PDB file of N, CA and C in Angstrom:
ATOM      1  N   LYS A   1     -45.618-138.067-208.242  1.00  0.00           N
ATOM      2  CA  LYS A   1     -44.898-137.537-209.382  1.00  0.00           C
ATOM      3  C   LYS A   1     -44.556-138.641-210.373  1.00  0.00           C
ATOM      4  N   VAL A   2     -44.164-139.795-209.862  1.00  0.00           N
ATOM      5  CA  VAL A   2     -43.804-140.903-210.740  1.00  0.00           C
ATOM      6  C   VAL A   2     -45.024-141.364-211.530  1.00  0.00           C
ATOM      7  N   LYS A   3     -46.155-141.482-210.860  1.00  0.00           N
ATOM      8  CA  LYS A   3     -47.381-141.938-211.509  1.00  0.00           C
ATOM      9  C   LYS A   3     -47.805-140.970-212.613  1.00  0.00           C
ATOM     10  N   SER A   4     -47.796-139.671-212.331  1.00  0.00           N
ATOM     11  CA  SER A   4     -48.213-138.696-213.343  1.00  0.00           C
ATOM     12  C   SER A   4     -47.215-138.645-214.496  1.00  0.00           C
ATOM     13  N   SER A   5     -45.936-138.839-214.213  1.00  0.00           N
ATOM     14  CA  SER A   5     -44.925-138.860-215.267  1.00  0.00           C
ATOM     15  C   SER A   5     -45.148-140.046-216.204  1.00  0.00           C
ATOM     16  N   LYS A   6     -45.441-141.214-215.628  1.00  0.00           N
ATOM     17  CA  LYS A   6     -45.707-142.402-216.444  1.00  0.00           C
ATOM     18  C   LYS A   6     -46.981-142.221-217.264  1.00  0.00           C
ATOM     19  N   MET A   7     -47.993-141.631-216.666  1.00  0.00           N
ATOM     20  CA  MET A   7     -49.248-141.391-217.382  1.00  0.00           C
ATOM     21  C   MET A   7     -49.023-140.459-218.572  1.00  0.00           C
ATOM     22  N   ASN A   8     -48.249-139.403-218.373  1.00  0.00           N
ATOM     23  CA  ASN A   8     -47.966-138.467-219.459  1.00  0.00           C
ATOM     24  C   ASN A   8     -47.182-139.127-220.583  1.00  0.00           C
ATOM     25  N   ARG A   9     -46.188-139.945-220.233  1.00  0.00           N
ATOM     26  CA  ARG A   9     -45.418-140.633-221.275  1.00  0.00           C
ATOM     27  C   ARG A   9     -46.302-141.608-222.035  1.00  0.00           C
ATOM     28  N   ALA A  10     -47.183-142.300-221.337  1.00  0.00           N
ATOM     29  CA  ALA A  10     -48.085-143.236-222.002  1.00  0.00           C
ATOM     30  C   ALA A  10     -49.055-142.492-222.916  1.00  0.00           C
ATOM     31  N   LYS A  11     -49.574-141.363-222.473  1.00  0.00           N
ATOM     32  CA  LYS A  11     -50.489-140.564-223.305  1.00  0.00           C
ATOM     33  C   LYS A  11     -49.798-140.060-224.568  1.00  0.00           C
ATOM     34  N   ASN A  12     -48.490-139.824-224.475  1.00  0.00           N
ATOM     35  CA  ASN A  12     -47.726-139.348-225.629  1.00  0.00           C
ATOM     36  C   ASN A  12     -47.235-140.483-226.520  1.00  0.00           C
ATOM     37  N   GLY A  13     -47.632-141.714-226.200  1.00  0.00           N
ATOM     38  CA  GLY A  13     -47.312-142.850-227.058  1.00  0.00           C
ATOM     39  C   GLY A  13     -46.014-143.557-226.746  1.00  0.00           C
ATOM     40  N   TYR A  14     -45.426-143.282-225.594  1.00  0.00           N
ATOM     41  CA  TYR A  14     -44.180-143.937-225.228  1.00  0.00           C
ATOM     42  C   TYR A  14     -44.456-145.198-224.427  1.00  0.00           C
ATOM     43  N   PHE A  15     -43.596-146.181-224.586  1.00  0.00           N
ATOM     44  CA  PHE A  15     -43.713-147.457-223.880  1.00  0.00           C
ATOM     45  C   PHE A  15     -43.164-147.294-222.471  1.00  0.00           C
ATOM     46  N   ILE A  16     -43.957-147.664-221.471  1.00  0.00           N
ATOM     47  CA  ILE A  16     -43.525-147.478-220.088  1.00  0.00           C
ATOM     48  C   ILE A  16     -43.264-148.796-219.384  1.00  0.00           C
ATOM     49  N   GLY A  17     -43.389-149.907-220.099  1.00  0.00           N
ATOM     50  CA  GLY A  17     -43.170-151.214-219.499  1.00  0.00           C
ATOM     51  C   GLY A  17     -41.707-151.617-219.536  1.00  0.00           C
ATOM     52  N   THR A  18     -41.458-152.879-219.206  1.00  0.00           N
ATOM     53  CA  THR A  18     -40.091-153.376-219.215  1.00  0.00           C
ATOM     54  C   THR A  18     -39.865-154.384-220.340  1.00  0.00           C
ATOM     55  N   VAL A  19     -40.802-155.304-220.535  1.00  0.00           N
ATOM     56  CA  VAL A  19     -40.673-156.318-221.574  1.00  0.00           C
ATOM     57  C   VAL A  19     -41.756-156.060-222.628  1.00  0.00           C
ATOM     58  N   PRO A  20     -41.359-155.840-223.874  1.00  0.00           N
ATOM     59  CA  PRO A  20     -42.370-155.567-224.908  1.00  0.00           C
ATOM     60  C   PRO A  20     -43.155-156.829-225.260  1.00  0.00           C
ATOM     61  N   PRO A  21     -44.368-156.657-225.778  1.00  0.00           N
ATOM     62  CA  PRO A  21     -45.153-157.816-226.211  1.00  0.00           C
ATOM     63  C   PRO A  21     -44.443-158.542-227.352  1.00  0.00           C
ATOM     64  N   TYR A  22     -44.722-159.835-227.494  1.00  0.00           N
ATOM     65  CA  TYR A  22     -44.111-160.627-228.559  1.00  0.00           C
ATOM     66  C   TYR A  22     -44.440-160.003-229.912  1.00  0.00           C
ATOM     67  N   GLY A  23     -43.429-159.856-230.745  1.00  0.00           N
ATOM     68  CA  GLY A  23     -43.610-159.270-232.059  1.00  0.00           C
ATOM     69  C   GLY A  23     -43.216-157.809-232.112  1.00  0.00           C
ATOM     70  N   TYR A  24     -42.855-157.240-230.984  1.00  0.00           N
ATOM     71  CA  TYR A  24     -42.431-155.840-230.923  1.00  0.00           C
ATOM     72  C   TYR A  24     -41.046-155.748-230.298  1.00  0.00           C
ATOM     73  N   LYS A  25     -40.361-154.668-230.601  1.00  0.00           N
ATOM     74  CA  LYS A  25     -39.088-154.383-229.943  1.00  0.00           C
ATOM     75  C   LYS A  25     -39.110-152.937-229.476  1.00  0.00           C
ATOM     76  N   VAL A  26     -38.298-152.649-228.484  1.00  0.00           N
ATOM     77  CA  VAL A  26     -38.239-151.312-227.908  1.00  0.00           C
ATOM     78  C   VAL A  26     -37.153-150.518-228.623  1.00  0.00           C
ATOM     79  N   VAL A  27     -37.513-149.314-229.060  1.00  0.00           N
ATOM     80  CA  VAL A  27     -36.559-148.395-229.666  1.00  0.00           C
ATOM     81  C   VAL A  27     -36.397-147.231-228.700  1.00  0.00           C
ATOM     82  N   LYS A  28     -35.173-147.021-228.257  1.00  0.00           N
ATOM     83  CA  LYS A  28     -34.921-145.953-227.283  1.00  0.00           C
ATOM     84  C   LYS A  28     -34.681-144.633-228.007  1.00  0.00           C
ATOM     85  N   LEU A  29     -35.460-143.649-227.625  1.00  0.00           N
ATOM     86  CA  LEU A  29     -35.324-142.296-228.152  1.00  0.00           C
ATOM     87  C   LEU A  29     -34.906-141.376-227.016  1.00  0.00           C
ATOM     88  N   LYS A  30     -34.567-140.148-227.364  1.00  0.00           N
ATOM     89  CA  LYS A  30     -34.170-139.183-226.343  1.00  0.00           C
ATOM     90  C   LYS A  30     -35.308-138.911-225.360  1.00  0.00           C
ATOM     91  N   GLU A  31     -36.540-138.854-225.871  1.00  0.00           N
ATOM     92  CA  GLU A  31     -37.701-138.523-225.040  1.00  0.00           C
ATOM     93  C   GLU A  31     -38.222-139.716-224.249  1.00  0.00           C
ATOM     94  N   GLY A  32     -37.947-140.939-224.723  1.00  0.00           N
ATOM     95  CA  GLY A  32     -38.465-142.139-224.073  1.00  0.00           C
ATOM     96  C   GLY A  32     -38.302-143.339-224.974  1.00  0.00           C
ATOM     97  N   GLN A  33     -39.096-144.369-224.726  1.00  0.00           N
ATOM     98  CA  GLN A  33     -39.034-145.597-225.504  1.00  0.00           C
ATOM     99  C   GLN A  33     -40.310-145.758-226.320  1.00  0.00           C
ATOM    100  N   LYS A  34     -40.158-146.188-227.556  1.00  0.00           N
ATOM    101  CA  LYS A  34     -41.299-146.465-228.427  1.00  0.00           C
ATOM    102  C   LYS A  34     -41.268-147.931-228.818  1.00  0.00           C
ATOM    103  N   LEU A  35     -42.438-148.485-229.116  1.00  0.00           N
ATOM    104  CA  LEU A  35     -42.520-149.846-229.620  1.00  0.00           C
ATOM    105  C   LEU A  35     -42.488-149.823-231.132  1.00  0.00           C
ATOM    106  N   GLU A  36     -41.789-150.802-231.695  1.00  0.00           N
ATOM    107  CA  GLU A  36     -41.683-150.928-233.142  1.00  0.00           C
ATOM    108  C   GLU A  36     -41.877-152.397-233.484  1.00  0.00           C
ATOM    109  N   ILE A  37     -42.495-152.673-234.605  1.00  0.00           N
ATOM    110  CA  ILE A  37     -42.719-154.055-235.019  1.00  0.00           C
ATOM    111  C   ILE A  37     -41.375-154.708-235.303  1.00  0.00           C
ATOM    112  N   ASP A  38     -41.190-155.913-234.756  1.00  0.00           N
ATOM    113  CA  ASP A  38     -39.962-156.679-234.978  1.00  0.00           C
ATOM    114  C   ASP A  38     -40.139-157.488-236.259  1.00  0.00           C
ATOM    115  N   GLU A  39     -39.469-157.066-237.303  1.00  0.00           N
ATOM    116  CA  GLU A  39     -39.633-157.706-238.613  1.00  0.00           C
ATOM    117  C   GLU A  39     -39.133-159.152-238.618  1.00  0.00           C
ATOM    118  N   LYS A  40     -38.260-159.515-237.675  1.00  0.00           N
ATOM    119  CA  LYS A  40     -37.731-160.883-237.624  1.00  0.00           C
ATOM    120  C   LYS A  40     -38.805-161.904-237.277  1.00  0.00           C
ATOM    121  N   VAL A  41     -39.772-161.517-236.462  1.00  0.00           N
ATOM    122  CA  VAL A  41     -40.814-162.450-236.029  1.00  0.00           C
ATOM    123  C   VAL A  41     -42.200-162.038-236.512  1.00  0.00           C
ATOM    124  N   ARG A  42     -42.263-161.076-237.390  1.00  0.00           N
ATOM    125  CA  ARG A  42     -43.556-160.601-237.889  1.00  0.00           C
ATOM    126  C   ARG A  42     -44.359-161.727-238.527  1.00  0.00           C
ATOM    127  N   PHE A  43     -43.689-162.576-239.301  1.00  0.00           N
ATOM    128  CA  PHE A  43     -44.402-163.658-239.985  1.00  0.00           C
ATOM    129  C   PHE A  43     -45.010-164.648-238.992  1.00  0.00           C
ATOM    130  N   ILE A  44     -44.379-164.815-237.829  1.00  0.00           N
ATOM    131  CA  ILE A  44     -44.915-165.718-236.812  1.00  0.00           C
ATOM    132  C   ILE A  44     -46.200-165.138-236.226  1.00  0.00           C
ATOM    133  N   VAL A  45     -46.199-163.844-235.940  1.00  0.00           N
ATOM    134  CA  VAL A  45     -47.386-163.185-235.395  1.00  0.00           C
ATOM    135  C   VAL A  45     -48.522-163.231-236.414  1.00  0.00           C
ATOM    136  N   GLU A  46     -48.201-163.008-237.680  1.00  0.00           N
ATOM    137  CA  GLU A  46     -49.225-163.085-238.729  1.00  0.00           C
ATOM    138  C   GLU A  46     -49.791-164.496-238.820  1.00  0.00           C
ATOM    139  N   GLU A  47     -48.931-165.490-238.669  1.00  0.00           N
ATOM    140  CA  GLU A  47     -49.376-166.888-238.684  1.00  0.00           C
ATOM    141  C   GLU A  47     -50.288-167.172-237.484  1.00  0.00           C
ATOM    142  N   MET A  48     -49.953-166.618-236.325  1.00  0.00           N
ATOM    143  CA  MET A  48     -50.789-166.794-235.134  1.00  0.00           C
ATOM    144  C   MET A  48     -52.182-166.216-235.367  1.00  0.00           C
ATOM    145  N   TYR A  49     -52.247-165.020-235.937  1.00  0.00           N
ATOM    146  CA  TYR A  49     -53.541-164.390-236.215  1.00  0.00           C
ATOM    147  C   TYR A  49     -54.333-165.202-237.234  1.00  0.00           C
ATOM    148  N   ARG A  50     -53.649-165.679-238.272  1.00  0.00           N
ATOM    149  CA  ARG A  50     -54.336-166.448-239.315  1.00  0.00           C
ATOM    150  C   ARG A  50     -54.953-167.708-238.716  1.00  0.00           C
ATOM    151  N   LEU A  51     -54.182-168.409-237.907  1.00  0.00           N
ATOM    152  CA  LEU A  51     -54.688-169.643-237.289  1.00  0.00           C
ATOM    153  C   LEU A  51     -55.851-169.352-236.342  1.00  0.00           C
ATOM    154  N   THR A  52     -55.754-168.254-235.600  1.00  0.00           N
ATOM    155  CA  THR A  52     -56.827-167.884-234.679  1.00  0.00           C
ATOM    156  C   THR A  52     -58.103-167.544-235.448  1.00  0.00           C
ATOM    157  N   LEU A  53     -57.954-166.822-236.543  1.00  0.00           N
ATOM    158  CA  LEU A  53     -59.126-166.481-237.354  1.00  0.00           C
ATOM    159  C   LEU A  53     -59.752-167.709-238.007  1.00  0.00           C
ATOM    160  N   GLU A  54     -58.960-168.749-238.196  1.00  0.00           N
ATOM    161  CA  GLU A  54     -59.490-170.005-238.741  1.00  0.00           C
ATOM    162  C   GLU A  54     -60.251-170.798-237.676  1.00  0.00           C
ATOM    163  N   GLY A  55     -60.207-170.334-236.420  1.00  0.00           N
ATOM    164  CA  GLY A  55     -60.953-170.989-235.362  1.00  0.00           C
ATOM    165  C   GLY A  55     -60.126-171.913-234.488  1.00  0.00           C
ATOM    166  N   LYS A  56     -58.816-171.891-234.634  1.00  0.00           N
ATOM    167  CA  LYS A  56     -57.948-172.740-233.810  1.00  0.00           C
ATOM    168  C   LYS A  56     -57.887-172.185-232.393  1.00  0.00           C
ATOM    169  N   SER A  57     -57.774-173.082-231.423  1.00  0.00           N
ATOM    170  CA  SER A  57     -57.653-172.659-230.026  1.00  0.00           C
ATOM    171  C   SER A  57     -56.219-172.225-229.748  1.00  0.00           C
ATOM    172  N   GLN A  58     -56.003-171.595-228.588  1.00  0.00           N
ATOM    173  CA  GLN A  58     -54.648-171.197-228.207  1.00  0.00           C
ATOM    174  C   GLN A  58     -53.736-172.411-228.112  1.00  0.00           C
ATOM    175  N   TYR A  59     -54.266-173.498-227.594  1.00  0.00           N
ATOM    176  CA  TYR A  59     -53.488-174.724-227.473  1.00  0.00           C
ATOM    177  C   TYR A  59     -53.075-175.235-228.853  1.00  0.00           C
ATOM    178  N   GLU A  60     -54.012-175.243-229.792  1.00  0.00           N
ATOM    179  CA  GLU A  60     -53.713-175.726-231.139  1.00  0.00           C
ATOM    180  C   GLU A  60     -52.698-174.833-231.842  1.00  0.00           C
ATOM    181  N   VAL A  61     -52.822-173.529-231.652  1.00  0.00           N
ATOM    182  CA  VAL A  61     -51.868-172.592-232.252  1.00  0.00           C
ATOM    183  C   VAL A  61     -50.485-172.819-231.656  1.00  0.00           C
ATOM    184  N   ALA A  62     -50.404-172.950-230.333  1.00  0.00           N
ATOM    185  CA  ALA A  62     -49.115-173.174-229.671  1.00  0.00           C
ATOM    186  C   ALA A  62     -48.495-174.489-230.131  1.00  0.00           C
ATOM    187  N   ARG A  63     -49.302-175.522-230.239  1.00  0.00           N
ATOM    188  CA  ARG A  63     -48.798-176.827-230.682  1.00  0.00           C
ATOM    189  C   ARG A  63     -48.269-176.743-232.116  1.00  0.00           C
ATOM    190  N   TYR A  64     -48.990-176.044-232.971  1.00  0.00           N
ATOM    191  CA  TYR A  64     -48.569-175.869-234.361  1.00  0.00           C
ATOM    192  C   TYR A  64     -47.231-175.127-234.428  1.00  0.00           C
ATOM    193  N   LEU A  65     -47.132-174.014-233.696  1.00  0.00           N
ATOM    194  CA  LEU A  65     -45.904-173.216-233.735  1.00  0.00           C
ATOM    195  C   LEU A  65     -44.725-173.963-233.112  1.00  0.00           C
ATOM    196  N   ASN A  66     -44.970-174.710-232.039  1.00  0.00           N
ATOM    197  CA  ASN A  66     -43.903-175.522-231.447  1.00  0.00           C
ATOM    198  C   ASN A  66     -43.449-176.609-232.406  1.00  0.00           C
ATOM    199  N   GLY A  67     -44.395-177.179-233.140  1.00  0.00           N
ATOM    200  CA  GLY A  67     -44.065-178.198-234.139  1.00  0.00           C
ATOM    201  C   GLY A  67     -43.190-177.658-235.249  1.00  0.00           C
ATOM    202  N   LYS A  68     -43.387-176.383-235.579  1.00  0.00           N
ATOM    203  CA  LYS A  68     -42.566-175.733-236.608  1.00  0.00           C
ATOM    204  C   LYS A  68     -41.184-175.364-236.075  1.00  0.00           C
ATOM    205  N   GLY A  69     -41.024-175.377-234.738  1.00  0.00           N
ATOM    206  CA  GLY A  69     -39.738-175.049-234.129  1.00  0.00           C
ATOM    207  C   GLY A  69     -39.492-173.561-233.944  1.00  0.00           C
ATOM    208  N   TYR A  70     -40.548-172.759-233.947  1.00  0.00           N
ATOM    209  CA  TYR A  70     -40.393-171.329-233.747  1.00  0.00           C
ATOM    210  C   TYR A  70     -40.017-171.026-232.304  1.00  0.00           C
ATOM    211  N   ALA A  71     -39.149-170.047-232.119  1.00  0.00           N
ATOM    212  CA  ALA A  71     -38.710-169.649-230.774  1.00  0.00           C
ATOM    213  C   ALA A  71     -39.827-168.893-230.066  1.00  0.00           C
ATOM    214  N   THR A  72     -39.859-169.026-228.749  1.00  0.00           N
ATOM    215  CA  THR A  72     -40.835-168.282-227.961  1.00  0.00           C
ATOM    216  C   THR A  72     -40.284-166.899-227.659  1.00  0.00           C
ATOM    217  N   GLY A  73     -41.133-166.050-227.127  1.00  0.00           N
ATOM    218  CA  GLY A  73     -40.741-164.674-226.842  1.00  0.00           C
ATOM    219  C   GLY A  73     -39.736-164.536-225.719  1.00  0.00           C
ATOM    220  N   MET A  74     -39.757-165.419-224.771  1.00  0.00           N
ATOM    221  CA  MET A  74     -38.859-165.277-223.617  1.00  0.00           C
ATOM    222  C   MET A  74     -37.654-166.129-223.802  1.00  0.00           C
TER     223      MET A  74
END
């Protein structure tokens, strides 16, 4: 029952996890939880994508963001 309930909530677009991905926040609704873009860190996520599209490695992106002093997700 638990598995089918989680599957149904996921099919309906509700977040069934515990910790949202970086750049998102959980909004609690009566029916369940939805993910919403966190506007506070949106620019950081956009910067990560831009650097990745420029061909930077994960290490280089992390080093760049740490150099800027941006907070991590956890």
